[in-house]
Amino acid sequence: MSSEHEPRAGYRSIPAEFLLDPSPDPPYEPIAMIFGEHVQYAVTIDPAEWIAGACGGVGGTVGALVPNQYPLVLRVRAPDPIPRGWSIAYRDLFAVVASIGERHTSSPDRAWFAVWQGHGFANRTTHVAWKEPPDDTNRDAREQERSRLRDEDKRRNGAVTASLRQVPRFDLPNRSYHLLTGPVSATTQLDDPGSGATWRHPDLFWPDDHRWFVATDVDFWSLYIGGDHDFITELARNVPTHSEIVDFDLPLEVED
């Protein structure tokens, strides 16, 4: 995570065609359903345009991250660091939020997922370590293996770049997001592009009827969730981590 939270005041939406990266050279074949088979690419960025006018808070505060129309905002902390299985515990937290959210929306089968484009999906590098120091008999073999892995990385990253170009992207201050759609239940079923079957958490997600809104960011792991009293009360009783009601003017806390 970065060490500084960027201000988010003054939202604006930019048509996706002006945000796409240049075509990879040489051209690569896109990977089908790069975020997994449980979501689809949004047709346009229109479903995300309401966020711009709804976030009126000062940059770096909860009100600049979560639309200000909600009566309550609940901060839900990420699981405590553990030696093994933290990512599973984090996904389980999203699962609880999504499960309760399904009961508090008229559109459980239609939700929107925004994934920050800066996660570095197309910049994966494979590293290999050998126990023994190189000698004349294996130095050439090691270099050939490194060359092969570099070529594989280049092909994979090129295919990921080509694939991401197909996903509409919308812009908020200092953040651009890929926009996906699917049922609320797909929250825990997004794939991380370029890394096999690894789960990718959405940075923002909400149902089509806007009854609630969940947000996190590259600078922290907590979830900030806007909704009505019944939804927030049920969440607070059932999430497995610490939670507290927060104000829109609360500064967002950077978490390493």
Protein backbone atom coordinates (compact mmCIF):
# COMPACT_ATOMS: atom_id res chain seq x y z
CA MET A 1 0.00 0.00 0.00
CA SER A 2 1.10 3.56 -0.54
CA SER A 3 1.92 5.79 2.38
CA GLU A 4 -0.32 8.68 1.39
CA HIS A 5 -4.04 8.89 0.68
CA GLU A 6 -4.85 11.02 -2.34
CA PRO A 7 -7.70 13.58 -2.04
CA ARG A 8 -10.92 12.60 -3.76
CA ALA A 9 -12.83 15.89 -3.99
CA GLY A 10 -14.22 17.02 -7.34
CA TYR A 11 -15.27 13.74 -8.92
CA ARG A 12 -15.59 13.50 -12.67
CA SER A 13 -16.30 10.67 -15.10
CA ILE A 14 -14.32 10.22 -18.31
CA PRO A 15 -15.57 8.05 -21.19
CA ALA A 16 -13.78 4.73 -21.21
CA GLU A 17 -12.46 5.16 -24.74
CA PHE A 18 -10.25 8.03 -23.60
CA LEU A 19 -8.74 6.01 -20.78
CA LEU A 20 -7.59 2.84 -22.51
CA ASP A 21 -3.89 2.02 -22.60
CA PRO A 22 -2.07 1.87 -25.94
CA SER A 23 -2.24 -1.49 -27.72
CA PRO A 24 0.54 -3.84 -26.63
CA ASP A 25 3.25 -4.34 -29.23
CA PRO A 26 3.31 -6.98 -30.59
CA PRO A 27 -0.46 -7.59 -30.37
CA TYR A 28 -1.56 -10.33 -27.99
CA GLU A 29 -4.74 -12.38 -27.88
CA PRO A 30 -7.01 -11.21 -25.02
CA ILE A 31 -7.88 -13.64 -22.24
CA ALA A 32 -11.58 -14.41 -22.08
CA MET A 33 -13.39 -13.31 -18.89
CA ILE A 34 -10.22 -12.06 -17.26
CA PHE A 35 -12.04 -11.22 -14.00
CA GLY A 36 -13.74 -14.62 -13.90
CA GLU A 37 -16.87 -16.25 -15.23
CA HIS A 38 -19.14 -14.89 -12.49
CA VAL A 39 -19.01 -11.28 -13.72
CA GLN A 40 -19.33 -9.54 -17.06
CA TYR A 41 -17.76 -6.37 -18.39
CA ALA A 42 -20.00 -3.33 -18.08
CA VAL A 43 -21.36 -2.11 -21.42
CA THR A 44 -20.86 1.55 -20.48
CA ILE A 45 -19.61 3.52 -17.49
CA ASP A 46 -23.04 5.10 -16.96
CA PRO A 47 -23.86 2.96 -13.87
CA ALA A 48 -20.92 4.56 -12.04
CA GLU A 49 -21.62 8.17 -12.93
CA TRP A 50 -23.88 8.78 -9.92
CA ILE A 51 -20.91 8.39 -7.55
CA ALA A 52 -19.36 11.65 -8.74
CA GLY A 53 -22.12 13.94 -7.57
CA ALA A 54 -22.88 11.94 -4.43
CA CYS A 55 -19.43 12.16 -2.82
CA GLY A 56 -19.23 15.72 -1.59
CA GLY A 57 -16.81 15.33 1.29
CA VAL A 58 -13.42 16.96 1.68
CA GLY A 59 -10.61 15.00 0.05
CA GLY A 60 -9.18 12.30 2.28
CA THR A 61 -12.35 11.90 4.37
CA VAL A 62 -15.04 9.23 4.48
CA GLY A 63 -17.40 11.61 2.69
CA ALA A 64 -15.09 11.74 -0.32
CA LEU A 65 -15.10 7.94 -0.59
CA VAL A 66 -18.68 6.94 0.28
CA PRO A 67 -21.68 8.70 -1.35
CA ASN A 68 -23.17 11.10 1.17
CA GLN A 69 -26.80 10.01 0.69
CA TYR A 70 -26.64 7.24 3.30
CA PRO A 71 -27.93 7.80 6.84
CA LEU A 72 -25.10 5.75 8.36
CA VAL A 73 -21.58 4.64 7.49
CA LEU A 74 -19.98 1.65 9.18
CA ARG A 75 -16.23 1.16 9.23
CA VAL A 76 -15.45 -2.56 9.29
CA ARG A 77 -11.86 -3.40 10.16
CA ALA A 78 -9.90 -6.01 8.26
CA PRO A 79 -8.92 -9.23 10.06
CA ASP A 80 -5.91 -9.01 12.34
CA PRO A 81 -2.61 -10.13 10.78
CA ILE A 82 -2.12 -13.87 11.06
CA PRO A 83 0.76 -16.07 9.87
CA ARG A 84 -1.34 -17.99 7.37
CA GLY A 85 -4.77 -17.63 5.79
CA TRP A 86 -5.23 -13.87 6.09
CA SER A 87 -6.49 -13.51 2.50
CA ILE A 88 -9.09 -16.22 3.17
CA ALA A 89 -10.24 -14.38 6.30
CA TYR A 90 -10.45 -11.14 4.30
CA ARG A 91 -12.55 -12.83 1.62
CA ASP A 92 -14.80 -14.28 4.33
CA LEU A 93 -15.37 -10.75 5.58
CA PHE A 94 -16.53 -9.68 2.12
CA ALA A 95 -18.74 -12.78 2.01
CA VAL A 96 -20.57 -11.73 5.19
CA VAL A 97 -21.12 -8.21 3.84
CA ALA A 98 -22.40 -9.52 0.50
CA SER A 99 -24.67 -12.11 2.11
CA ILE A 100 -26.35 -9.50 4.29
CA GLY A 101 -26.40 -7.02 1.42
CA GLU A 102 -28.40 -9.48 -0.72
CA ARG A 103 -31.25 -9.23 1.80
CA HIS A 104 -31.19 -5.42 1.76
CA THR A 105 -31.58 -4.70 -1.93
CA SER A 106 -34.25 -5.12 -4.57
CA SER A 107 -31.55 -6.05 -7.10
CA PRO A 108 -29.44 -8.90 -5.62
CA ASP A 109 -28.87 -10.27 -9.13
CA ARG A 110 -27.51 -7.00 -10.48
CA ALA A 111 -24.59 -5.27 -8.80
CA TRP A 112 -21.58 -3.25 -9.92
CA PHE A 113 -17.94 -3.88 -9.07
CA ALA A 114 -15.16 -1.34 -9.51
CA VAL A 115 -11.56 -2.57 -9.48
CA TRP A 116 -8.70 -0.07 -9.34
CA GLN A 117 -6.63 -0.27 -12.51
CA GLY A 118 -3.40 0.49 -10.67
CA HIS A 119 -3.06 -2.92 -9.00
CA GLY A 120 -0.40 -3.85 -11.56
CA PHE A 121 -2.21 -6.74 -13.22
CA ALA A 122 -0.02 -6.54 -16.34
CA ASN A 123 3.31 -6.16 -14.55
CA ARG A 124 3.83 -9.60 -13.04
CA THR A 125 7.42 -10.83 -12.83
CA THR A 126 8.45 -14.41 -12.11
CA HIS A 127 11.40 -14.82 -9.73
CA VAL A 128 13.35 -18.04 -9.24
CA ALA A 129 15.95 -18.72 -6.54
CA TRP A 130 18.55 -21.49 -6.68
CA LYS A 131 20.15 -22.94 -3.57
CA GLU A 132 23.56 -23.62 -5.08
CA PRO A 133 25.86 -20.89 -6.45
CA PRO A 134 26.29 -20.98 -10.26
CA ASP A 135 29.25 -22.69 -11.86
CA ASP A 136 30.43 -23.16 -15.43
CA THR A 137 28.23 -26.21 -15.97
CA ASN A 138 24.92 -24.68 -14.93
CA ARG A 139 25.38 -20.94 -15.54
CA ASP A 140 24.22 -21.20 -19.18
CA ALA A 141 21.28 -23.41 -18.21
CA ARG A 142 20.17 -20.89 -15.60
CA GLU A 143 20.37 -18.02 -18.06
CA GLN A 144 18.29 -19.98 -20.56
CA GLU A 145 15.68 -20.61 -17.86
CA ARG A 146 15.63 -16.92 -16.94
CA SER A 147 15.18 -16.02 -20.61
CA ARG A 148 12.31 -18.48 -20.94
CA LEU A 149 10.58 -17.07 -17.86
CA ARG A 150 11.03 -13.50 -19.12
CA ASP A 151 9.38 -14.47 -22.41
CA GLU A 152 6.51 -16.12 -20.53
CA ASP A 153 6.05 -13.02 -18.37
CA LYS A 154 6.02 -10.81 -21.47
CA ARG A 155 3.42 -12.96 -23.21
CA ARG A 156 1.23 -13.18 -20.11
CA ASN A 157 1.46 -9.46 -19.34
CA GLY A 158 0.75 -8.60 -22.97
CA ALA A 159 -2.35 -10.80 -22.96
CA VAL A 160 -3.52 -9.24 -19.69
CA THR A 161 -3.04 -5.73 -21.10
CA ALA A 162 -4.99 -6.65 -24.23
CA SER A 163 -7.77 -8.08 -22.07
CA LEU A 164 -8.01 -5.07 -19.76
CA ARG A 165 -8.45 -2.82 -22.77
CA GLN A 166 -11.83 -4.48 -23.29
CA VAL A 167 -13.13 -3.52 -19.84
CA PRO A 168 -14.74 -0.05 -19.56
CA ARG A 169 -12.95 2.23 -17.15
CA PHE A 170 -14.21 5.27 -15.26
CA ASP A 171 -12.22 7.95 -13.51
CA LEU A 172 -12.41 9.49 -10.04
CA PRO A 173 -9.75 11.85 -8.66
CA ASN A 174 -6.43 9.96 -8.55
CA ARG A 175 -8.19 6.66 -9.18
CA SER A 176 -9.36 4.90 -12.34
CA TYR A 177 -11.50 1.78 -12.05
CA HIS A 178 -12.47 -1.13 -14.30
CA LEU A 179 -16.25 -1.57 -14.17
CA LEU A 180 -17.83 -5.03 -13.95
CA THR A 181 -21.32 -6.31 -13.30
CA GLY A 182 -22.84 -9.46 -11.83
CA PRO A 183 -24.90 -10.64 -8.87
CA VAL A 184 -24.03 -9.47 -5.37
CA SER A 185 -22.86 -13.03 -4.66
CA ALA A 186 -20.03 -12.57 -7.19
CA THR A 187 -18.25 -10.33 -4.67
CA THR A 188 -16.09 -13.23 -3.50
CA GLN A 189 -15.72 -14.82 -6.94
CA LEU A 190 -13.71 -12.23 -8.87
CA ASP A 191 -10.43 -13.50 -10.32
CA ASP A 192 -7.19 -11.54 -10.10
CA PRO A 193 -6.09 -10.96 -13.72
CA GLY A 194 -2.84 -12.66 -14.64
CA SER A 195 -2.49 -14.68 -11.45
CA GLY A 196 -4.59 -17.75 -12.05
CA ALA A 197 -7.43 -18.46 -9.65
CA THR A 198 -6.40 -15.93 -6.98
CA TRP A 199 -9.29 -13.87 -5.62
CA ARG A 200 -9.38 -10.15 -6.36
CA HIS A 201 -11.46 -8.05 -3.96
CA PRO A 202 -13.45 -5.20 -5.52
CA ASP A 203 -12.43 -1.72 -4.39
CA LEU A 204 -16.00 -0.44 -4.69
CA PHE A 205 -19.26 -2.33 -5.07
CA TRP A 206 -22.96 -1.55 -4.84
CA PRO A 207 -26.33 -2.99 -5.94
CA ASP A 208 -28.13 -1.51 -8.90
CA ASP A 209 -30.73 0.14 -6.66
CA HIS A 210 -27.99 1.98 -4.65
CA ARG A 211 -29.44 0.78 -1.34
CA TRP A 212 -25.92 0.44 0.06
CA PHE A 213 -22.33 1.06 -0.99
CA VAL A 214 -19.06 -0.64 0.03
CA ALA A 215 -15.67 0.99 -0.45
CA THR A 216 -12.05 0.27 0.30
CA ASP A 217 -8.84 1.57 -1.25
CA VAL A 218 -5.22 0.78 -2.04
CA ASP A 219 -4.20 2.79 1.03
CA PHE A 220 -6.13 0.73 3.58
CA TRP A 221 -7.90 -2.58 4.19
CA SER A 222 -10.92 -1.42 6.20
CA LEU A 223 -14.33 -1.40 4.52
CA TYR A 224 -16.43 1.76 4.67
CA ILE A 225 -20.07 0.87 4.13
CA GLY A 226 -22.98 3.24 3.64
CA GLY A 227 -26.58 2.15 4.12
CA ASP A 228 -29.80 2.53 6.05
CA HIS A 229 -30.27 1.80 9.74
CA ASP A 230 -31.53 -1.78 9.36
CA PHE A 231 -28.70 -2.82 7.03
CA ILE A 232 -25.95 -1.22 9.08
CA THR A 233 -27.33 -2.61 12.34
CA GLU A 234 -27.42 -6.15 10.96
CA LEU A 235 -23.89 -5.76 9.56
CA ALA A 236 -22.50 -4.52 12.86
CA ARG A 237 -23.96 -7.55 14.64
CA ASN A 238 -22.59 -10.10 12.21
CA VAL A 239 -19.22 -9.03 10.81
CA PRO A 240 -16.37 -11.06 12.36
CA THR A 241 -14.13 -8.04 12.97
CA HIS A 242 -14.37 -4.79 14.91
CA SER A 243 -16.69 -2.17 13.48
CA GLU A 244 -17.87 1.31 14.39
CA ILE A 245 -20.18 4.00 13.03
CA VAL A 246 -18.18 6.89 11.54
CA ASP A 247 -18.98 10.39 10.31
CA PHE A 248 -18.51 11.59 6.75
CA ASP A 249 -15.95 14.15 7.89
CA LEU A 250 -13.68 11.53 9.53
CA PRO A 251 -10.22 11.43 7.89
CA LEU A 252 -9.47 8.12 6.21
CA GLU A 253 -6.80 6.22 8.11
CA VAL A 254 -3.88 4.78 6.14
CA GLU A 255 -3.29 1.12 6.97
CA ASP A 256 -0.15 -0.81 6.07
